[in-house]
Amino acid sequence: KIWSANFGTEITSSVAISSSSEYLAAGTEDGNVYLYNTSSSTLVWYYSGTLDGKIMDLDFSEDSNYLVVGTENGKVYIFTASNGDIEMEYQSNTDKVTCVSGSSNSNYYAFGTDQGLVTVLNLSAYSSDWEKDIGGVISGLDFNGKATYLVASSTNKKLLLTNVTNGDEVWRTTTLGSITSVSMSYRGENIL
């Protein structure tokens, strides 16, 4: 064991570690986010979002500078990892964010919802660039390593590959069963 932390009565709902191994983030069912320094277990910052509901998912940008967080009540936050400043706050049109993903381009972040919507946020424009409806519950999102493609999966057997910048669909297919997670290779040529 390197170190441990105790959240008391809070239940951890999601965790992520930055690609630089500098930060570890934890989200709780109470809507709180804790960010730690991995080398010393120092709490770097804390965010209390009790009105946002349970933290459904969180992920770092590839450069480890930002943390994207999705909540049960449809909020998506992009925090500066080093100090916890909220760089962007976005309210989803649906009830629940199910998954989030940060890319290697620190401008692009994606989230999926329980209503089957996939949305890409552009931090530099402080806006939503595009949205796609693939139905079901979005179960997984992943950018390729160069942040040119985004793959999204759904519980209704849909798999979608899009261009990150404009949302143009490369393809959409139906699988043999409900998809629970998805991953894409660095260049984007292989999808699992």
N, C-alpha and C. Protein backbone atom coordinates (compact mmCIF):
# COMPACT_ATOMS: atom_id res chain seq x y z
N LYS A 1 0.84 -1.19 0.00
CA LYS A 1 0.00 0.00 0.00
C LYS A 1 0.88 1.25 0.00
N ILE A 2 0.59 2.19 -0.87
CA ILE A 2 1.33 3.46 -0.90
C ILE A 2 0.72 4.43 0.10
N TRP A 3 -0.59 4.58 0.07
CA TRP A 3 -1.33 5.37 1.07
C TRP A 3 -2.82 5.07 0.93
N SER A 4 -3.58 5.51 1.90
CA SER A 4 -5.04 5.33 1.84
C SER A 4 -5.70 6.59 2.39
N ALA A 5 -6.96 6.76 2.01
CA ALA A 5 -7.75 7.89 2.50
C ALA A 5 -9.10 7.36 2.94
N ASN A 6 -9.71 8.02 3.90
CA ASN A 6 -11.00 7.59 4.42
C ASN A 6 -11.99 8.73 4.25
N PHE A 7 -13.11 8.44 3.58
CA PHE A 7 -14.14 9.46 3.35
C PHE A 7 -15.24 9.40 4.41
N GLY A 8 -15.01 8.70 5.50
CA GLY A 8 -16.01 8.61 6.56
C GLY A 8 -17.22 7.83 6.08
N THR A 9 -18.38 8.45 6.13
CA THR A 9 -19.62 7.77 5.74
C THR A 9 -19.90 7.86 4.25
N GLU A 10 -19.09 8.62 3.51
CA GLU A 10 -19.32 8.77 2.07
C GLU A 10 -18.92 7.49 1.32
N ILE A 11 -19.67 7.20 0.25
CA ILE A 11 -19.38 6.03 -0.58
C ILE A 11 -18.75 6.51 -1.89
N THR A 12 -17.59 5.96 -2.22
CA THR A 12 -16.90 6.32 -3.46
C THR A 12 -17.65 5.72 -4.64
N SER A 13 -17.91 6.55 -5.66
CA SER A 13 -18.64 6.08 -6.84
C SER A 13 -17.78 6.03 -8.09
N SER A 14 -16.65 6.74 -8.11
CA SER A 14 -15.79 6.76 -9.29
C SER A 14 -14.39 7.23 -8.91
N VAL A 15 -13.39 6.66 -9.57
CA VAL A 15 -12.00 7.09 -9.35
C VAL A 15 -11.28 7.18 -10.69
N ALA A 16 -10.23 8.00 -10.74
CA ALA A 16 -9.39 8.11 -11.94
C ALA A 16 -8.00 8.56 -11.52
N ILE A 17 -7.01 8.12 -12.27
CA ILE A 17 -5.64 8.56 -12.04
C ILE A 17 -5.15 9.24 -13.32
N SER A 18 -4.42 10.33 -13.16
CA SER A 18 -3.95 11.07 -14.33
C SER A 18 -2.85 10.30 -15.05
N SER A 19 -2.69 10.54 -16.36
CA SER A 19 -1.68 9.82 -17.13
C SER A 19 -0.27 10.16 -16.67
N SER A 20 -0.11 11.32 -16.06
CA SER A 20 1.20 11.70 -15.52
C SER A 20 1.48 11.03 -14.18
N SER A 21 0.49 10.34 -13.63
CA SER A 21 0.54 9.70 -12.30
C SER A 21 0.68 10.72 -11.18
N GLU A 22 0.46 11.99 -11.47
CA GLU A 22 0.57 13.02 -10.44
C GLU A 22 -0.67 13.12 -9.58
N TYR A 23 -1.85 12.89 -10.16
CA TYR A 23 -3.11 13.11 -9.44
C TYR A 23 -3.97 11.86 -9.41
N LEU A 24 -4.73 11.75 -8.33
CA LEU A 24 -5.76 10.74 -8.20
C LEU A 24 -7.04 11.47 -7.80
N ALA A 25 -8.13 11.22 -8.53
CA ALA A 25 -9.41 11.86 -8.24
C ALA A 25 -10.41 10.82 -7.80
N ALA A 26 -11.26 11.19 -6.86
CA ALA A 26 -12.33 10.31 -6.39
C ALA A 26 -13.62 11.11 -6.32
N GLY A 27 -14.70 10.50 -6.82
CA GLY A 27 -16.03 11.09 -6.71
C GLY A 27 -16.89 10.24 -5.81
N THR A 28 -17.85 10.86 -5.13
CA THR A 28 -18.67 10.13 -4.17
C THR A 28 -20.15 10.19 -4.53
N GLU A 29 -20.92 9.33 -3.89
CA GLU A 29 -22.36 9.32 -4.09
C GLU A 29 -23.02 10.58 -3.54
N ASP A 30 -22.33 11.29 -2.67
CA ASP A 30 -22.85 12.55 -2.11
C ASP A 30 -22.59 13.74 -3.04
N GLY A 31 -21.91 13.52 -4.17
CA GLY A 31 -21.64 14.59 -5.12
C GLY A 31 -20.35 15.35 -4.87
N ASN A 32 -19.47 14.78 -4.07
CA ASN A 32 -18.20 15.44 -3.77
C ASN A 32 -17.08 14.88 -4.63
N VAL A 33 -16.10 15.75 -4.93
CA VAL A 33 -14.92 15.35 -5.69
C VAL A 33 -13.69 15.68 -4.85
N TYR A 34 -12.79 14.71 -4.72
CA TYR A 34 -11.54 14.88 -3.99
C TYR A 34 -10.40 14.65 -4.97
N LEU A 35 -9.41 15.53 -4.98
CA LEU A 35 -8.24 15.35 -5.83
C LEU A 35 -7.00 15.32 -4.94
N TYR A 36 -6.24 14.24 -5.08
CA TYR A 36 -5.05 14.00 -4.26
C TYR A 36 -3.79 14.02 -5.11
N ASN A 37 -2.68 14.34 -4.46
CA ASN A 37 -1.36 14.16 -5.04
C ASN A 37 -0.97 12.72 -4.78
N THR A 38 -0.66 11.95 -5.81
CA THR A 38 -0.41 10.52 -5.63
C THR A 38 0.84 10.22 -4.82
N SER A 39 1.84 11.09 -4.87
CA SER A 39 3.10 10.77 -4.20
C SER A 39 3.05 10.97 -2.69
N SER A 40 2.13 11.80 -2.20
CA SER A 40 2.15 12.10 -0.77
C SER A 40 0.80 12.00 -0.08
N SER A 41 -0.23 11.61 -0.78
CA SER A 41 -1.60 11.53 -0.29
C SER A 41 -2.15 12.89 0.17
N THR A 42 -1.51 13.96 -0.29
CA THR A 42 -1.98 15.30 0.07
C THR A 42 -3.25 15.63 -0.70
N LEU A 43 -4.26 16.09 0.02
CA LEU A 43 -5.49 16.54 -0.63
C LEU A 43 -5.18 17.88 -1.30
N VAL A 44 -5.23 17.91 -2.62
CA VAL A 44 -4.92 19.13 -3.38
C VAL A 44 -6.13 20.07 -3.36
N TRP A 45 -7.32 19.52 -3.61
CA TRP A 45 -8.55 20.31 -3.52
C TRP A 45 -9.75 19.40 -3.37
N TYR A 46 -10.86 20.05 -2.97
CA TYR A 46 -12.11 19.34 -2.70
C TYR A 46 -13.25 20.18 -3.27
N TYR A 47 -14.22 19.53 -3.90
CA TYR A 47 -15.40 20.23 -4.42
C TYR A 47 -16.64 19.55 -3.86
N SER A 48 -17.55 20.34 -3.32
CA SER A 48 -18.81 19.81 -2.80
C SER A 48 -19.92 20.18 -3.76
N GLY A 49 -20.51 19.16 -4.38
CA GLY A 49 -21.60 19.39 -5.32
C GLY A 49 -22.84 18.61 -4.91
N THR A 50 -23.26 18.76 -3.67
CA THR A 50 -24.37 17.96 -3.15
C THR A 50 -25.65 18.14 -3.95
N LEU A 51 -25.87 19.29 -4.57
CA LEU A 51 -27.08 19.50 -5.36
C LEU A 51 -27.00 18.79 -6.71
N ASP A 52 -25.80 18.40 -7.13
CA ASP A 52 -25.61 17.74 -8.41
C ASP A 52 -25.88 16.24 -8.36
N GLY A 53 -26.00 15.68 -7.18
CA GLY A 53 -26.20 14.25 -7.04
C GLY A 53 -24.89 13.48 -7.17
N LYS A 54 -25.02 12.18 -7.24
CA LYS A 54 -23.89 11.26 -7.30
C LYS A 54 -22.94 11.60 -8.45
N ILE A 55 -21.64 11.48 -8.19
CA ILE A 55 -20.63 11.59 -9.24
C ILE A 55 -20.66 10.28 -10.01
N MET A 56 -21.06 10.34 -11.28
CA MET A 56 -21.23 9.14 -12.09
C MET A 56 -19.91 8.67 -12.71
N ASP A 57 -19.07 9.63 -13.13
CA ASP A 57 -17.82 9.27 -13.77
C ASP A 57 -16.90 10.48 -13.78
N LEU A 58 -15.60 10.22 -13.84
CA LEU A 58 -14.62 11.30 -13.98
C LEU A 58 -13.42 10.79 -14.74
N ASP A 59 -12.72 11.72 -15.42
CA ASP A 59 -11.58 11.34 -16.25
C ASP A 59 -10.69 12.56 -16.44
N PHE A 60 -9.39 12.32 -16.54
CA PHE A 60 -8.43 13.39 -16.78
C PHE A 60 -8.20 13.57 -18.27
N SER A 61 -7.83 14.79 -18.67
CA SER A 61 -7.31 15.00 -20.02
C SER A 61 -5.97 14.28 -20.11
N GLU A 62 -5.55 13.97 -21.31
CA GLU A 62 -4.31 13.20 -21.48
C GLU A 62 -3.09 13.92 -20.91
N ASP A 63 -3.10 15.26 -20.94
CA ASP A 63 -1.96 16.01 -20.39
C ASP A 63 -2.05 16.18 -18.88
N SER A 64 -3.09 15.65 -18.27
CA SER A 64 -3.31 15.68 -16.82
C SER A 64 -3.64 17.07 -16.26
N ASN A 65 -3.87 18.05 -17.13
CA ASN A 65 -4.13 19.41 -16.67
C ASN A 65 -5.58 19.65 -16.27
N TYR A 66 -6.50 18.81 -16.76
CA TYR A 66 -7.93 19.03 -16.50
C TYR A 66 -8.60 17.73 -16.07
N LEU A 67 -9.67 17.89 -15.30
CA LEU A 67 -10.48 16.77 -14.85
C LEU A 67 -11.92 17.03 -15.26
N VAL A 68 -12.53 16.08 -15.99
CA VAL A 68 -13.93 16.21 -16.39
C VAL A 68 -14.76 15.30 -15.47
N VAL A 69 -15.89 15.84 -15.01
CA VAL A 69 -16.74 15.14 -14.04
C VAL A 69 -18.18 15.18 -14.53
N GLY A 70 -18.86 14.04 -14.48
CA GLY A 70 -20.27 13.96 -14.83
C GLY A 70 -21.10 13.54 -13.63
N THR A 71 -22.29 14.15 -13.48
CA THR A 71 -23.10 13.91 -12.29
C THR A 71 -24.46 13.30 -12.62
N GLU A 72 -25.09 12.78 -11.59
CA GLU A 72 -26.39 12.14 -11.70
C GLU A 72 -27.47 13.12 -12.16
N ASN A 73 -27.35 14.38 -11.82
CA ASN A 73 -28.36 15.38 -12.17
C ASN A 73 -28.04 16.12 -13.47
N GLY A 74 -27.17 15.54 -14.30
CA GLY A 74 -26.94 16.08 -15.63
C GLY A 74 -25.91 17.18 -15.75
N LYS A 75 -25.14 17.44 -14.72
CA LYS A 75 -24.10 18.47 -14.78
C LYS A 75 -22.78 17.84 -15.22
N VAL A 76 -22.03 18.60 -16.03
CA VAL A 76 -20.67 18.22 -16.40
C VAL A 76 -19.77 19.40 -16.04
N TYR A 77 -18.70 19.11 -15.32
CA TYR A 77 -17.73 20.12 -14.93
C TYR A 77 -16.38 19.77 -15.51
N ILE A 78 -15.64 20.79 -15.91
CA ILE A 78 -14.23 20.63 -16.26
C ILE A 78 -13.43 21.48 -15.29
N PHE A 79 -12.64 20.83 -14.46
CA PHE A 79 -11.83 21.49 -13.43
C PHE A 79 -10.38 21.58 -13.89
N THR A 80 -9.67 22.62 -13.46
CA THR A 80 -8.22 22.65 -13.57
C THR A 80 -7.69 21.71 -12.49
N ALA A 81 -6.91 20.73 -12.89
CA ALA A 81 -6.47 19.70 -11.94
C ALA A 81 -5.61 20.28 -10.82
N SER A 82 -4.78 21.24 -11.11
CA SER A 82 -3.83 21.73 -10.11
C SER A 82 -4.47 22.52 -8.98
N ASN A 83 -5.62 23.16 -9.22
CA ASN A 83 -6.19 24.01 -8.16
C ASN A 83 -7.70 23.89 -7.97
N GLY A 84 -8.40 23.12 -8.81
CA GLY A 84 -9.83 22.92 -8.64
C GLY A 84 -10.71 24.02 -9.19
N ASP A 85 -10.13 24.97 -9.91
CA ASP A 85 -10.96 26.01 -10.53
C ASP A 85 -11.87 25.38 -11.57
N ILE A 86 -13.14 25.80 -11.59
CA ILE A 86 -14.07 25.30 -12.60
C ILE A 86 -13.85 26.10 -13.88
N GLU A 87 -13.35 25.42 -14.92
CA GLU A 87 -13.10 26.06 -16.20
C GLU A 87 -14.35 26.09 -17.07
N MET A 88 -15.23 25.07 -16.89
CA MET A 88 -16.46 25.00 -17.67
C MET A 88 -17.50 24.22 -16.88
N GLU A 89 -18.73 24.70 -16.96
CA GLU A 89 -19.87 24.02 -16.34
C GLU A 89 -20.94 23.90 -17.41
N TYR A 90 -21.46 22.69 -17.59
CA TYR A 90 -22.44 22.45 -18.65
C TYR A 90 -23.59 21.63 -18.09
N GLN A 91 -24.81 22.05 -18.38
CA GLN A 91 -26.00 21.31 -17.94
C GLN A 91 -26.53 20.49 -19.10
N SER A 92 -26.55 19.17 -18.91
CA SER A 92 -27.09 18.27 -19.92
C SER A 92 -28.61 18.43 -19.99
N ASN A 93 -29.18 18.13 -21.15
CA ASN A 93 -30.63 18.21 -21.32
C ASN A 93 -31.35 17.03 -20.70
N THR A 94 -30.61 16.03 -20.26
CA THR A 94 -31.23 14.82 -19.72
C THR A 94 -30.97 14.70 -18.23
N ASP A 95 -31.49 13.66 -17.65
CA ASP A 95 -31.43 13.51 -16.20
C ASP A 95 -30.09 13.07 -15.66
N LYS A 96 -29.38 12.21 -16.40
CA LYS A 96 -28.19 11.61 -15.81
C LYS A 96 -27.05 11.48 -16.82
N VAL A 97 -25.85 11.91 -16.40
CA VAL A 97 -24.64 11.67 -17.18
C VAL A 97 -24.14 10.29 -16.77
N THR A 98 -23.89 9.42 -17.73
CA THR A 98 -23.47 8.05 -17.42
C THR A 98 -21.97 7.83 -17.54
N CYS A 99 -21.30 8.58 -18.42
CA CYS A 99 -19.86 8.42 -18.59
C CYS A 99 -19.25 9.68 -19.19
N VAL A 100 -17.96 9.88 -18.93
CA VAL A 100 -17.23 11.03 -19.46
C VAL A 100 -15.89 10.55 -19.99
N SER A 101 -15.27 11.37 -20.84
CA SER A 101 -13.94 11.05 -21.35
C SER A 101 -13.19 12.33 -21.67
N GLY A 102 -11.91 12.37 -21.30
CA GLY A 102 -11.03 13.48 -21.66
C GLY A 102 -10.10 13.03 -22.77
N SER A 103 -9.74 13.94 -23.67
CA SER A 103 -8.90 13.57 -24.81
C SER A 103 -7.47 14.06 -24.64
N SER A 104 -6.64 13.73 -25.63
CA SER A 104 -5.26 14.22 -25.62
C SER A 104 -5.19 15.68 -26.01
N ASN A 105 -6.22 16.18 -26.66
CA ASN A 105 -6.34 17.61 -26.96
C ASN A 105 -7.14 18.21 -25.81
N SER A 106 -6.52 19.04 -24.99
CA SER A 106 -7.17 19.51 -23.76
C SER A 106 -8.37 20.41 -24.02
N ASN A 107 -8.74 20.61 -25.29
CA ASN A 107 -9.97 21.35 -25.59
C ASN A 107 -11.19 20.45 -25.66
N TYR A 108 -11.04 19.14 -25.91
CA TYR A 108 -12.18 18.28 -26.18
C TYR A 108 -12.47 17.27 -25.08
N TYR A 109 -13.74 17.23 -24.69
CA TYR A 109 -14.24 16.31 -23.67
C TYR A 109 -15.59 15.78 -24.15
N ALA A 110 -15.90 14.55 -23.78
CA ALA A 110 -17.17 13.96 -24.20
C ALA A 110 -17.91 13.42 -22.99
N PHE A 111 -19.24 13.39 -23.12
CA PHE A 111 -20.03 12.72 -22.10
C PHE A 111 -21.23 12.05 -22.74
N GLY A 112 -21.71 11.00 -22.08
CA GLY A 112 -22.89 10.27 -22.53
C GLY A 112 -23.95 10.31 -21.45
N THR A 113 -25.20 10.05 -21.86
CA THR A 113 -26.32 10.14 -20.92
C THR A 113 -27.16 8.87 -20.91
N ASP A 114 -28.07 8.81 -19.95
CA ASP A 114 -28.98 7.68 -19.86
C ASP A 114 -30.10 7.77 -20.89
N GLN A 115 -30.13 8.83 -21.67
CA GLN A 115 -31.11 9.00 -22.74
C GLN A 115 -30.50 8.72 -24.12
N GLY A 116 -29.26 8.19 -24.15
CA GLY A 116 -28.63 7.81 -25.40
C GLY A 116 -27.95 8.93 -26.16
N LEU A 117 -27.68 10.04 -25.50
CA LEU A 117 -27.03 11.18 -26.16
C LEU A 117 -25.54 11.19 -25.90
N VAL A 118 -24.76 11.49 -26.94
CA VAL A 118 -23.32 11.68 -26.84
C VAL A 118 -23.04 13.14 -27.19
N THR A 119 -22.32 13.84 -26.33
CA THR A 119 -22.04 15.26 -26.54
C THR A 119 -20.54 15.50 -26.42
N VAL A 120 -19.99 16.33 -27.32
CA VAL A 120 -18.59 16.75 -27.24
C VAL A 120 -18.56 18.22 -26.84
N LEU A 121 -17.80 18.49 -25.78
CA LEU A 121 -17.62 19.86 -25.29
C LEU A 121 -16.28 20.39 -25.77
N ASN A 122 -16.25 21.68 -26.10
CA ASN A 122 -15.04 22.37 -26.52
C ASN A 122 -14.69 23.40 -25.46
N LEU A 123 -13.66 23.13 -24.69
CA LEU A 123 -13.27 24.02 -23.60
C LEU A 123 -12.82 25.38 -24.11
N SER A 124 -12.13 25.42 -25.24
CA SER A 124 -11.62 26.71 -25.75
C SER A 124 -12.77 27.61 -26.21
N ALA A 125 -13.86 27.02 -26.68
CA ALA A 125 -15.02 27.80 -27.13
C ALA A 125 -16.08 27.90 -26.04
N TYR A 126 -15.87 27.19 -24.94
CA TYR A 126 -16.80 27.15 -23.82
C TYR A 126 -18.20 26.79 -24.31
N SER A 127 -18.26 25.72 -25.12
CA SER A 127 -19.55 25.36 -25.72
C SER A 127 -19.61 23.86 -26.01
N SER A 128 -20.81 23.44 -26.39
CA SER A 128 -21.01 22.10 -26.91
C SER A 128 -20.83 22.17 -28.41
N ASP A 129 -19.91 21.37 -28.96
CA ASP A 129 -19.66 21.40 -30.40
C ASP A 129 -20.70 20.61 -31.18
N TRP A 130 -21.10 19.45 -30.64
CA TRP A 130 -22.09 18.62 -31.33
C TRP A 130 -22.67 17.60 -30.38
N GLU A 131 -23.80 17.01 -30.81
CA GLU A 131 -24.50 16.00 -30.04
C GLU A 131 -25.07 14.96 -30.99
N LYS A 132 -25.00 13.68 -30.61
CA LYS A 132 -25.55 12.57 -31.39
C LYS A 132 -26.45 11.73 -30.49
N ASP A 133 -27.53 11.24 -31.07
CA ASP A 133 -28.45 10.36 -30.36
C ASP A 133 -28.30 8.95 -30.90
N ILE A 134 -27.80 8.02 -30.06
CA ILE A 134 -27.70 6.63 -30.50
C ILE A 134 -28.63 5.72 -29.70
N GLY A 135 -29.40 6.29 -28.79
CA GLY A 135 -30.38 5.53 -28.03
C GLY A 135 -29.78 4.72 -26.91
N GLY A 136 -30.64 4.07 -26.15
CA GLY A 136 -30.21 3.28 -25.00
C GLY A 136 -29.57 4.14 -23.94
N VAL A 137 -28.68 3.55 -23.18
CA VAL A 137 -27.87 4.25 -22.17
C VAL A 137 -26.44 4.20 -22.67
N ILE A 138 -25.80 5.36 -22.74
CA ILE A 138 -24.40 5.39 -23.19
C ILE A 138 -23.53 4.71 -22.14
N SER A 139 -22.84 3.65 -22.56
CA SER A 139 -22.08 2.82 -21.62
C SER A 139 -20.58 3.03 -21.69
N GLY A 140 -20.10 3.68 -22.75
CA GLY A 140 -18.67 3.90 -22.86
C GLY A 140 -18.31 4.92 -23.91
N LEU A 141 -17.22 5.63 -23.68
CA LEU A 141 -16.69 6.64 -24.60
C LEU A 141 -15.18 6.55 -24.58
N ASP A 142 -14.55 6.74 -25.73
CA ASP A 142 -13.09 6.78 -25.75
C ASP A 142 -12.61 7.55 -26.97
N PHE A 143 -11.65 8.42 -26.74
CA PHE A 143 -10.96 9.14 -27.83
C PHE A 143 -9.76 8.30 -28.25
N ASN A 144 -9.40 8.36 -29.53
CA ASN A 144 -8.12 7.77 -29.90
C ASN A 144 -7.03 8.70 -29.39
N GLY A 145 -5.78 8.24 -29.44
CA GLY A 145 -4.68 8.99 -28.84
C GLY A 145 -4.42 10.34 -29.44
N LYS A 146 -4.78 10.54 -30.69
CA LYS A 146 -4.56 11.84 -31.34
C LYS A 146 -5.78 12.74 -31.25
N ALA A 147 -6.85 12.27 -30.61
CA ALA A 147 -8.10 13.03 -30.44
C ALA A 147 -8.73 13.42 -31.77
N THR A 148 -8.60 12.55 -32.76
CA THR A 148 -9.27 12.79 -34.04
C THR A 148 -10.60 12.05 -34.12
N TYR A 149 -10.72 10.93 -33.37
CA TYR A 149 -11.94 10.12 -33.39
C TYR A 149 -12.46 9.91 -31.97
N LEU A 150 -13.78 9.72 -31.90
CA LEU A 150 -14.44 9.35 -30.65
C LEU A 150 -15.31 8.14 -30.93
N VAL A 151 -15.20 7.12 -30.10
CA VAL A 151 -16.09 5.96 -30.21
C VAL A 151 -17.04 5.99 -29.02
N ALA A 152 -18.31 5.66 -29.27
CA ALA A 152 -19.33 5.64 -28.22
C ALA A 152 -20.10 4.33 -28.32
N SER A 153 -20.45 3.79 -27.16
CA SER A 153 -21.22 2.55 -27.12
C SER A 153 -22.48 2.75 -26.29
N SER A 154 -23.45 1.87 -26.55
CA SER A 154 -24.74 2.00 -25.88
C SER A 154 -25.28 0.63 -25.49
N THR A 155 -26.15 0.63 -24.50
CA THR A 155 -26.78 -0.61 -24.06
C THR A 155 -27.78 -1.14 -25.07
N ASN A 156 -28.14 -0.33 -26.08
CA ASN A 156 -29.07 -0.82 -27.11
C ASN A 156 -28.34 -1.40 -28.33
N LYS A 157 -27.10 -1.86 -28.11
CA LYS A 157 -26.29 -2.55 -29.11
C LYS A 157 -25.70 -1.64 -30.19
N LYS A 158 -25.70 -0.32 -29.97
CA LYS A 158 -25.16 0.61 -30.96
C LYS A 158 -23.71 0.94 -30.65
N LEU A 159 -22.92 1.04 -31.72
CA LEU A 159 -21.52 1.45 -31.65
C LEU A 159 -21.33 2.54 -32.69
N LEU A 160 -20.80 3.69 -32.27
CA LEU A 160 -20.68 4.86 -33.13
C LEU A 160 -19.24 5.34 -33.16
N LEU A 161 -18.72 5.63 -34.36
CA LEU A 161 -17.40 6.23 -34.52
C LEU A 161 -17.59 7.57 -35.23
N THR A 162 -17.09 8.64 -34.62
CA THR A 162 -17.27 9.98 -35.19
C THR A 162 -15.95 10.73 -35.26
N ASN A 163 -15.96 11.78 -36.07
CA ASN A 163 -14.88 12.76 -36.12
C ASN A 163 -15.08 13.70 -34.94
N VAL A 164 -14.04 13.93 -34.16
CA VAL A 164 -14.17 14.72 -32.93
C VAL A 164 -14.55 16.17 -33.21
N THR A 165 -13.93 16.81 -34.16
CA THR A 165 -14.12 18.25 -34.34
C THR A 165 -15.49 18.65 -34.85
N ASN A 166 -16.09 17.83 -35.73
CA ASN A 166 -17.37 18.25 -36.31
C ASN A 166 -18.51 17.25 -36.11
N GLY A 167 -18.23 16.10 -35.51
CA GLY A 167 -19.27 15.12 -35.24
C GLY A 167 -19.69 14.29 -36.43
N ASP A 168 -19.03 14.47 -37.58
CA ASP A 168 -19.37 13.65 -38.75
C ASP A 168 -19.18 12.17 -38.41
N GLU A 169 -20.19 11.37 -38.72
CA GLU A 169 -20.12 9.95 -38.44
C GLU A 169 -19.23 9.24 -39.46
N VAL A 170 -18.25 8.50 -38.96
CA VAL A 170 -17.44 7.64 -39.81
C VAL A 170 -18.27 6.40 -40.11
N TRP A 171 -18.87 5.82 -39.06
CA TRP A 171 -19.82 4.73 -39.20
C TRP A 171 -20.60 4.55 -37.91
N ARG A 172 -21.72 3.83 -38.04
CA ARG A 172 -22.57 3.44 -36.93
C ARG A 172 -23.00 2.01 -37.22
N THR A 173 -22.90 1.13 -36.22
CA THR A 173 -23.25 -0.26 -36.43
C THR A 173 -24.02 -0.81 -35.24
N THR A 174 -24.65 -1.94 -35.46
CA THR A 174 -25.36 -2.65 -34.40
C THR A 174 -24.59 -3.92 -34.07
N THR A 175 -24.35 -4.14 -32.78
CA THR A 175 -23.61 -5.33 -32.33
C THR A 175 -24.59 -6.44 -31.95
N LEU A 176 -24.06 -7.57 -31.56
CA LEU A 176 -24.90 -8.72 -31.22
C LEU A 176 -25.54 -8.62 -29.84
N GLY A 177 -24.98 -7.76 -28.99
CA GLY A 177 -25.52 -7.63 -27.63
C GLY A 177 -25.28 -6.26 -27.06
N SER A 178 -25.83 -6.03 -25.89
CA SER A 178 -25.66 -4.77 -25.17
C SER A 178 -24.18 -4.55 -24.87
N ILE A 179 -23.68 -3.35 -25.10
CA ILE A 179 -22.26 -3.05 -24.90
C ILE A 179 -22.09 -2.43 -23.52
N THR A 180 -21.13 -2.93 -22.76
CA THR A 180 -20.89 -2.41 -21.41
C THR A 180 -19.68 -1.49 -21.31
N SER A 181 -18.74 -1.60 -22.25
CA SER A 181 -17.59 -0.70 -22.25
C SER A 181 -16.94 -0.72 -23.63
N VAL A 182 -16.10 0.28 -23.89
CA VAL A 182 -15.47 0.39 -25.20
C VAL A 182 -14.09 1.03 -25.04
N SER A 183 -13.17 0.67 -25.95
CA SER A 183 -11.82 1.25 -25.93
C SER A 183 -11.30 1.32 -27.35
N MET A 184 -10.47 2.33 -27.63
CA MET A 184 -9.93 2.52 -28.97
C MET A 184 -8.40 2.62 -28.89
N SER A 185 -7.72 2.09 -29.89
CA SER A 185 -6.26 2.15 -29.93
C SER A 185 -5.79 3.57 -30.20
N TYR A 186 -4.50 3.80 -29.99
CA TYR A 186 -3.93 5.14 -30.09
C TYR A 186 -4.22 5.79 -31.44
N ARG A 187 -3.98 5.08 -32.54
CA ARG A 187 -4.21 5.66 -33.86
C ARG A 187 -5.67 5.56 -34.29
N GLY A 188 -6.46 4.80 -33.55
CA GLY A 188 -7.89 4.70 -33.86
C GLY A 188 -8.23 3.62 -34.85
N GLU A 189 -7.26 2.77 -35.19
CA GLU A 189 -7.54 1.74 -36.20
C GLU A 189 -8.22 0.52 -35.61
N ASN A 190 -8.12 0.34 -34.29
CA ASN A 190 -8.74 -0.80 -33.63
C ASN A 190 -9.67 -0.36 -32.52
N ILE A 191 -10.85 -0.99 -32.49
CA ILE A 191 -11.83 -0.68 -31.45
C ILE A 191 -12.21 -1.98 -30.77
N LEU A 192 -12.21 -1.97 -29.46
CA LEU A 192 -12.54 -3.15 -28.67
C LEU A 192 -13.83 -2.87 -27.91
